[in-house]
Structures are given as C-alpha cells and as structure tokens.
Amino acid sequence: MTPDFATLDALRATTPRGGLLRSDHAPLVASFLHRVFIAPNMRVMAAADLAEALEDELFALRQQLGGDPSPRRRWTT
C-alpha cells in the first residue's frame, strides 16, 4: 500500500482503525511526510526546502481536487 492522499483518505473513511486518521488533515500530512522523507530515505531537510515541497504538494492537490485541501492558516508568534 502506498500512503498517498487518496489511499489514506479512503482508509480514514472505511476502516475501524481509521480512527487515527480522523483529523481532516491527516491524509495530507501523512502522505506528504511519506513522500518527502520516507520514500527517498531523507532524514534531514532545510526548512525552506520543506516549505517549498509543501507548497508544491498543496498546489498539486488543489489542481487535482479543484479546491483547497488544506486552507492556509496564519500563525502568529
């Protein structure tokens, strides 16, 4: 099983153990982290590169789903 967005989203909706994936953003987060860190066996990444990879992921999902899978939130310090 490849933990891509669609697979994790389906598991969340159809399996009892999907409770771990009940968060609306869980499929996005898990599939993104797998694609960026696990699949290429990457353990360290610069913050700027990680942010760019996330922007690319969100752009691709917006194109695929025709909407905004994860609205950007403003973080204040």
PDB file of N, CA and C in Angstrom:
ATOM      1  N   MET A   1       0.842  -1.175   0.000  1.00  0.00           N
ATOM      2  CA  MET A   1       0.000   0.000   0.000  1.00  0.00           C
ATOM      3  C   MET A   1       0.890   1.241   0.000  1.00  0.00           C
ATOM      4  N   THR A   2       0.614   2.142  -0.893  1.00  0.00           N
ATOM      5  CA  THR A   2       1.306   3.425  -0.935  1.00  0.00           C
ATOM      6  C   THR A   2       0.480   4.426  -0.151  1.00  0.00           C
ATOM      7  N   PRO A   3       1.074   5.080   0.838  1.00  0.00           N
ATOM      8  CA  PRO A   3       0.290   6.020   1.643  1.00  0.00           C
ATOM      9  C   PRO A   3       0.135   7.378   0.981  1.00  0.00           C
ATOM     10  N   ASP A   4      -0.535   7.384  -0.170  1.00  0.00           N
ATOM     11  CA  ASP A   4      -0.793   8.657  -0.824  1.00  0.00           C
ATOM     12  C   ASP A   4      -2.104   9.233  -0.279  1.00  0.00           C
ATOM     13  N   PHE A   5      -2.424  10.444  -0.662  1.00  0.00           N
ATOM     14  CA  PHE A   5      -3.586  11.152  -0.120  1.00  0.00           C
ATOM     15  C   PHE A   5      -4.871  10.349  -0.309  1.00  0.00           C
ATOM     16  N   ALA A   6      -5.125   9.875  -1.510  1.00  0.00           N
ATOM     17  CA  ALA A   6      -6.377   9.173  -1.799  1.00  0.00           C
ATOM     18  C   ALA A   6      -6.503   7.888  -0.978  1.00  0.00           C
ATOM     19  N   THR A   7      -5.429   7.124  -0.862  1.00  0.00           N
ATOM     20  CA  THR A   7      -5.458   5.875  -0.105  1.00  0.00           C
ATOM     21  C   THR A   7      -5.741   6.130   1.367  1.00  0.00           C
ATOM     22  N   LEU A   8      -5.020   7.098   1.949  1.00  0.00           N
ATOM     23  CA  LEU A   8      -5.226   7.399   3.362  1.00  0.00           C
ATOM     24  C   LEU A   8      -6.610   7.982   3.620  1.00  0.00           C
ATOM     25  N   ASP A   9      -7.102   8.777   2.696  1.00  0.00           N
ATOM     26  CA  ASP A   9      -8.442   9.331   2.848  1.00  0.00           C
ATOM     27  C   ASP A   9      -9.486   8.220   2.823  1.00  0.00           C
ATOM     28  N   ALA A  10      -9.308   7.240   1.937  1.00  0.00           N
ATOM     29  CA  ALA A  10     -10.241   6.102   1.865  1.00  0.00           C
ATOM     30  C   ALA A  10     -10.167   5.251   3.131  1.00  0.00           C
ATOM     31  N   LEU A  11      -8.961   5.002   3.641  1.00  0.00           N
ATOM     32  CA  LEU A  11      -8.817   4.231   4.875  1.00  0.00           C
ATOM     33  C   LEU A  11      -9.491   4.925   6.046  1.00  0.00           C
ATOM     34  N   ARG A  12      -9.346   6.239   6.084  1.00  0.00           N
ATOM     35  CA  ARG A  12      -9.945   7.019   7.162  1.00  0.00           C
ATOM     36  C   ARG A  12     -11.459   6.835   7.173  1.00  0.00           C
ATOM     37  N   ALA A  13     -12.035   6.745   6.001  1.00  0.00           N
ATOM     38  CA  ALA A  13     -13.498   6.666   5.898  1.00  0.00           C
ATOM     39  C   ALA A  13     -14.042   5.246   6.017  1.00  0.00           C
ATOM     40  N   THR A  14     -13.220   4.234   5.725  1.00  0.00           N
ATOM     41  CA  THR A  14     -13.780   2.890   5.590  1.00  0.00           C
ATOM     42  C   THR A  14     -13.292   1.851   6.577  1.00  0.00           C
ATOM     43  N   THR A  15     -12.310   2.152   7.410  1.00  0.00           N
ATOM     44  CA  THR A  15     -11.800   1.136   8.321  1.00  0.00           C
ATOM     45  C   THR A  15     -11.978   1.556   9.771  1.00  0.00           C
ATOM     46  N   PRO A  16     -12.230   0.571  10.641  1.00  0.00           N
ATOM     47  CA  PRO A  16     -12.357   0.890  12.060  1.00  0.00           C
ATOM     48  C   PRO A  16     -11.079   1.511  12.626  1.00  0.00           C
ATOM     49  N   ARG A  17      -9.944   1.049  12.173  1.00  0.00           N
ATOM     50  CA  ARG A  17      -8.679   1.593  12.657  1.00  0.00           C
ATOM     51  C   ARG A  17      -8.372   2.956  12.053  1.00  0.00           C
ATOM     52  N   GLY A  18      -9.206   3.395  11.167  1.00  0.00           N
ATOM     53  CA  GLY A  18      -9.031   4.708  10.571  1.00  0.00           C
ATOM     54  C   GLY A  18      -9.214   5.832  11.563  1.00  0.00           C
ATOM     55  N   GLY A  19      -9.582   5.485  12.803  1.00  0.00           N
ATOM     56  CA  GLY A  19      -9.745   6.493  13.840  1.00  0.00           C
ATOM     57  C   GLY A  19      -8.502   7.342  14.024  1.00  0.00           C
ATOM     58  N   LEU A  20      -7.357   6.758  13.790  1.00  0.00           N
ATOM     59  CA  LEU A  20      -6.112   7.521  13.878  1.00  0.00           C
ATOM     60  C   LEU A  20      -6.038   8.580  12.793  1.00  0.00           C
ATOM     61  N   LEU A  21      -6.797   8.363  11.752  1.00  0.00           N
ATOM     62  CA  LEU A  21      -6.768   9.289  10.617  1.00  0.00           C
ATOM     63  C   LEU A  21      -8.005  10.194  10.592  1.00  0.00           C
ATOM     64  N   ARG A  22      -8.693  10.328  11.698  1.00  0.00           N
ATOM     65  CA  ARG A  22      -9.936  11.113  11.725  1.00  0.00           C
ATOM     66  C   ARG A  22      -9.725  12.604  11.507  1.00  0.00           C
ATOM     67  N   SER A  23      -8.561  13.096  11.793  1.00  0.00           N
ATOM     68  CA  SER A  23      -8.295  14.512  11.551  1.00  0.00           C
ATOM     69  C   SER A  23      -8.495  14.810  10.078  1.00  0.00           C
ATOM     70  N   ASP A  24      -9.086  15.952   9.781  1.00  0.00           N
ATOM     71  CA  ASP A  24      -9.310  16.326   8.385  1.00  0.00           C
ATOM     72  C   ASP A  24      -8.004  16.431   7.600  1.00  0.00           C
ATOM     73  N   HIS A  25      -6.918  16.752   8.282  1.00  0.00           N
ATOM     74  CA  HIS A  25      -5.642  16.960   7.594  1.00  0.00           C
ATOM     75  C   HIS A  25      -4.706  15.752   7.660  1.00  0.00           C
ATOM     76  N   ALA A  26      -5.115  14.674   8.328  1.00  0.00           N
ATOM     77  CA  ALA A  26      -4.252  13.508   8.486  1.00  0.00           C
ATOM     78  C   ALA A  26      -3.797  12.908   7.158  1.00  0.00           C
ATOM     79  N   PRO A  27      -4.682  12.715   6.175  1.00  0.00           N
ATOM     80  CA  PRO A  27      -4.211  12.147   4.910  1.00  0.00           C
ATOM     81  C   PRO A  27      -3.176  13.039   4.225  1.00  0.00           C
ATOM     82  N   LEU A  28      -3.383  14.327   4.288  1.00  0.00           N
ATOM     83  CA  LEU A  28      -2.434  15.263   3.690  1.00  0.00           C
ATOM     84  C   LEU A  28      -1.084  15.191   4.394  1.00  0.00           C
ATOM     85  N   VAL A  29      -1.093  15.243   5.716  1.00  0.00           N
ATOM     86  CA  VAL A  29       0.147  15.241   6.481  1.00  0.00           C
ATOM     87  C   VAL A  29       0.910  13.931   6.295  1.00  0.00           C
ATOM     88  N   ALA A  30       0.225  12.809   6.462  1.00  0.00           N
ATOM     89  CA  ALA A  30       0.891  11.512   6.357  1.00  0.00           C
ATOM     90  C   ALA A  30       1.431  11.254   4.955  1.00  0.00           C
ATOM     91  N   SER A  31       0.650  11.563   3.934  1.00  0.00           N
ATOM     92  CA  SER A  31       1.130  11.312   2.567  1.00  0.00           C
ATOM     93  C   SER A  31       2.280  12.240   2.217  1.00  0.00           C
ATOM     94  N   PHE A  32       2.228  13.486   2.684  1.00  0.00           N
ATOM     95  CA  PHE A  32       3.305  14.437   2.432  1.00  0.00           C
ATOM     96  C   PHE A  32       4.598  13.977   3.111  1.00  0.00           C
ATOM     97  N   LEU A  33       4.513  13.623   4.385  1.00  0.00           N
ATOM     98  CA  LEU A  33       5.713  13.195   5.106  1.00  0.00           C
ATOM     99  C   LEU A  33       6.303  11.924   4.505  1.00  0.00           C
ATOM    100  N   HIS A  34       5.442  11.018   4.067  1.00  0.00           N
ATOM    101  CA  HIS A  34       5.945   9.797   3.421  1.00  0.00           C
ATOM    102  C   HIS A  34       6.671  10.134   2.125  1.00  0.00           C
ATOM    103  N   ARG A  35       6.058  10.983   1.309  1.00  0.00           N
ATOM    104  CA  ARG A  35       6.665  11.319   0.014  1.00  0.00           C
ATOM    105  C   ARG A  35       7.972  12.080   0.171  1.00  0.00           C
ATOM    106  N   VAL A  36       8.058  12.954   1.165  1.00  0.00           N
ATOM    107  CA  VAL A  36       9.235  13.810   1.323  1.00  0.00           C
ATOM    108  C   VAL A  36      10.358  13.120   2.099  1.00  0.00           C
ATOM    109  N   PHE A  37      10.001  12.330   3.123  1.00  0.00           N
ATOM    110  CA  PHE A  37      11.043  11.761   3.979  1.00  0.00           C
ATOM    111  C   PHE A  37      11.232  10.255   3.838  1.00  0.00           C
ATOM    112  N   ILE A  38      10.157   9.501   3.845  1.00  0.00           N
ATOM    113  CA  ILE A  38      10.274   8.041   3.877  1.00  0.00           C
ATOM    114  C   ILE A  38      10.672   7.467   2.521  1.00  0.00           C
ATOM    115  N   ALA A  39       9.934   7.794   1.472  1.00  0.00           N
ATOM    116  CA  ALA A  39      10.207   7.224   0.146  1.00  0.00           C
ATOM    117  C   ALA A  39      11.638   7.480  -0.332  1.00  0.00           C
ATOM    118  N   PRO A  40      12.154   8.711  -0.208  1.00  0.00           N
ATOM    119  CA  PRO A  40      13.537   8.936  -0.663  1.00  0.00           C
ATOM    120  C   PRO A  40      14.584   8.659   0.423  1.00  0.00           C
ATOM    121  N   ASN A  41      14.160   8.140   1.590  1.00  0.00           N
ATOM    122  CA  ASN A  41      15.050   7.863   2.713  1.00  0.00           C
ATOM    123  C   ASN A  41      15.821   9.117   3.125  1.00  0.00           C
ATOM    124  N   MET A  42      15.098  10.219   3.217  1.00  0.00           N
ATOM    125  CA  MET A  42      15.675  11.513   3.599  1.00  0.00           C
ATOM    126  C   MET A  42      15.418  11.723   5.076  1.00  0.00           C
ATOM    127  N   ARG A  43      16.454  12.084   5.805  1.00  0.00           N
ATOM    128  CA  ARG A  43      16.301  12.292   7.246  1.00  0.00           C
ATOM    129  C   ARG A  43      16.419  13.755   7.649  1.00  0.00           C
ATOM    130  N   VAL A  44      17.061  14.561   6.845  1.00  0.00           N
ATOM    131  CA  VAL A  44      17.268  15.971   7.165  1.00  0.00           C
ATOM    132  C   VAL A  44      16.929  16.798   5.935  1.00  0.00           C
ATOM    133  N   MET A  45      16.242  17.931   6.169  1.00  0.00           N
ATOM    134  CA  MET A  45      15.904  18.827   5.070  1.00  0.00           C
ATOM    135  C   MET A  45      15.859  20.247   5.617  1.00  0.00           C
ATOM    136  N   ALA A  46      16.360  21.176   4.864  1.00  0.00           N
ATOM    137  CA  ALA A  46      16.307  22.572   5.267  1.00  0.00           C
ATOM    138  C   ALA A  46      14.855  23.029   5.327  1.00  0.00           C
ATOM    139  N   ALA A  47      14.555  23.924   6.260  1.00  0.00           N
ATOM    140  CA  ALA A  47      13.189  24.408   6.440  1.00  0.00           C
ATOM    141  C   ALA A  47      12.639  25.030   5.164  1.00  0.00           C
ATOM    142  N   ALA A  48      13.463  25.775   4.455  1.00  0.00           N
ATOM    143  CA  ALA A  48      12.998  26.410   3.217  1.00  0.00           C
ATOM    144  C   ALA A  48      12.631  25.361   2.172  1.00  0.00           C
ATOM    145  N   ASP A  49      13.415  24.294   2.083  1.00  0.00           N
ATOM    146  CA  ASP A  49      13.119  23.226   1.123  1.00  0.00           C
ATOM    147  C   ASP A  49      11.845  22.481   1.513  1.00  0.00           C
ATOM    148  N   LEU A  50      11.645  22.276   2.816  1.00  0.00           N
ATOM    149  CA  LEU A  50      10.442  21.610   3.281  1.00  0.00           C
ATOM    150  C   LEU A  50       9.206  22.461   2.991  1.00  0.00           C
ATOM    151  N   ALA A  51       9.304  23.752   3.227  1.00  0.00           N
ATOM    152  CA  ALA A  51       8.184  24.655   2.938  1.00  0.00           C
ATOM    153  C   ALA A  51       7.864  24.660   1.454  1.00  0.00           C
ATOM    154  N   GLU A  52       8.880  24.652   0.618  1.00  0.00           N
ATOM    155  CA  GLU A  52       8.663  24.630  -0.832  1.00  0.00           C
ATOM    156  C   GLU A  52       8.011  23.319  -1.261  1.00  0.00           C
ATOM    157  N   ALA A  53       8.455  22.209  -0.675  1.00  0.00           N
ATOM    158  CA  ALA A  53       7.859  20.913  -1.001  1.00  0.00           C
ATOM    159  C   ALA A  53       6.386  20.873  -0.585  1.00  0.00           C
ATOM    160  N   LEU A  54       6.060  21.475   0.558  1.00  0.00           N
ATOM    161  CA  LEU A  54       4.668  21.522   0.999  1.00  0.00           C
ATOM    162  C   LEU A  54       3.827  22.390   0.072  1.00  0.00           C
ATOM    163  N   GLU A  55       4.354  23.511  -0.345  1.00  0.00           N
ATOM    164  CA  GLU A  55       3.631  24.364  -1.298  1.00  0.00           C
ATOM    165  C   GLU A  55       3.366  23.613  -2.600  1.00  0.00           C
ATOM    166  N   ASP A  56       4.363  22.866  -3.072  1.00  0.00           N
ATOM    167  CA  ASP A  56       4.196  22.069  -4.290  1.00  0.00           C
ATOM    168  C   ASP A  56       3.112  21.013  -4.099  1.00  0.00           C
ATOM    169  N   GLU A  57       3.122  20.363  -2.938  1.00  0.00           N
ATOM    170  CA  GLU A  57       2.129  19.330  -2.638  1.00  0.00           C
ATOM    171  C   GLU A  57       0.719  19.930  -2.622  1.00  0.00           C
ATOM    172  N   LEU A  58       0.564  21.059  -1.954  1.00  0.00           N
ATOM    173  CA  LEU A  58      -0.741  21.705  -1.886  1.00  0.00           C
ATOM    174  C   LEU A  58      -1.213  22.184  -3.252  1.00  0.00           C
ATOM    175  N   PHE A  59      -0.295  22.707  -4.053  1.00  0.00           N
ATOM    176  CA  PHE A  59      -0.647  23.138  -5.405  1.00  0.00           C
ATOM    177  C   PHE A  59      -1.165  21.955  -6.217  1.00  0.00           C
ATOM    178  N   ALA A  60      -0.443  20.826  -6.162  1.00  0.00           N
ATOM    179  CA  ALA A  60      -0.849  19.635  -6.919  1.00  0.00           C
ATOM    180  C   ALA A  60      -2.220  19.136  -6.456  1.00  0.00           C
ATOM    181  N   LEU A  61      -2.466  19.145  -5.139  1.00  0.00           N
ATOM    182  CA  LEU A  61      -3.761  18.697  -4.641  1.00  0.00           C
ATOM    183  C   LEU A  61      -4.875  19.655  -5.048  1.00  0.00           C
ATOM    184  N   ARG A  62      -4.597  20.945  -5.050  1.00  0.00           N
ATOM    185  CA  ARG A  62      -5.612  21.911  -5.494  1.00  0.00           C
ATOM    186  C   ARG A  62      -5.971  21.668  -6.955  1.00  0.00           C
ATOM    187  N   GLN A  63      -4.971  21.386  -7.766  1.00  0.00           N
ATOM    188  CA  GLN A  63      -5.212  21.109  -9.175  1.00  0.00           C
ATOM    189  C   GLN A  63      -6.023  19.823  -9.337  1.00  0.00           C
ATOM    190  N   GLN A  64      -5.678  18.812  -8.559  1.00  0.00           N
ATOM    191  CA  GLN A  64      -6.333  17.512  -8.657  1.00  0.00           C
ATOM    192  C   GLN A  64      -7.764  17.550  -8.112  1.00  0.00           C
ATOM    193  N   LEU A  65      -7.963  18.216  -6.978  1.00  0.00           N
ATOM    194  CA  LEU A  65      -9.259  18.198  -6.308  1.00  0.00           C
ATOM    195  C   LEU A  65     -10.144  19.390  -6.652  1.00  0.00           C
ATOM    196  N   GLY A  66      -9.568  20.382  -7.299  1.00  0.00           N
ATOM    197  CA  GLY A  66     -10.341  21.536  -7.705  1.00  0.00           C
ATOM    198  C   GLY A  66     -10.725  22.464  -6.566  1.00  0.00           C
ATOM    199  N   GLY A  67     -10.028  22.381  -5.480  1.00  0.00           N
ATOM    200  CA  GLY A  67     -10.321  23.246  -4.343  1.00  0.00           C
ATOM    201  C   GLY A  67      -9.096  23.438  -3.489  1.00  0.00           C
ATOM    202  N   ASP A  68      -9.309  23.668  -2.236  1.00  0.00           N
ATOM    203  CA  ASP A  68      -8.207  23.870  -1.311  1.00  0.00           C
ATOM    204  C   ASP A  68      -8.264  22.779  -0.257  1.00  0.00           C
ATOM    205  N   PRO A  69      -7.407  21.753  -0.356  1.00  0.00           N
ATOM    206  CA  PRO A  69      -7.456  20.642   0.583  1.00  0.00           C
ATOM    207  C   PRO A  69      -7.006  21.019   1.985  1.00  0.00           C
ATOM    208  N   SER A  70      -6.263  22.081   2.111  1.00  0.00           N
ATOM    209  CA  SER A  70      -5.762  22.499   3.417  1.00  0.00           C
ATOM    210  C   SER A  70      -5.607  24.006   3.436  1.00  0.00           C
ATOM    211  N   PRO A  71      -6.617  24.715   3.897  1.00  0.00           N
ATOM    212  CA  PRO A  71      -6.514  26.170   3.906  1.00  0.00           C
ATOM    213  C   PRO A  71      -5.329  26.638   4.738  1.00  0.00           C
ATOM    214  N   ARG A  72      -4.653  27.632   4.232  1.00  0.00           N
ATOM    215  CA  ARG A  72      -3.504  28.173   4.950  1.00  0.00           C
ATOM    216  C   ARG A  72      -4.012  28.914   6.171  1.00  0.00           C
ATOM    217  N   ARG A  73      -3.305  28.738   7.246  1.00  0.00           N
ATOM    218  CA  ARG A  73      -3.649  29.442   8.480  1.00  0.00           C
ATOM    219  C   ARG A  73      -2.539  30.415   8.785  1.00  0.00           C
ATOM    220  N   ARG A  74      -2.907  31.507   9.349  1.00  0.00           N
ATOM    221  CA  ARG A  74      -1.929  32.498   9.762  1.00  0.00           C
ATOM    222  C   ARG A  74      -1.454  32.129  11.159  1.00  0.00           C
ATOM    223  N   TRP A  75      -0.171  31.951  11.296  1.00  0.00           N
ATOM    224  CA  TRP A  75       0.419  31.644  12.604  1.00  0.00           C
ATOM    225  C   TRP A  75       1.017  32.913  13.151  1.00  0.00           C
ATOM    226  N   THR A  76       0.701  33.218  14.358  1.00  0.00           N
ATOM    227  CA  THR A  76       1.268  34.403  14.981  1.00  0.00           C
ATOM    228  C   THR A  76       2.180  33.981  16.109  1.00  0.00           C
ATOM    229  N   THR A  77       3.191  34.806  16.346  1.00  0.00           N
ATOM    230  CA  THR A  77       4.128  34.495  17.437  1.00  0.00           C
ATOM    231  C   THR A  77       3.994  35.486  18.560  1.00  0.00           C
TER     232      THR A  77
END
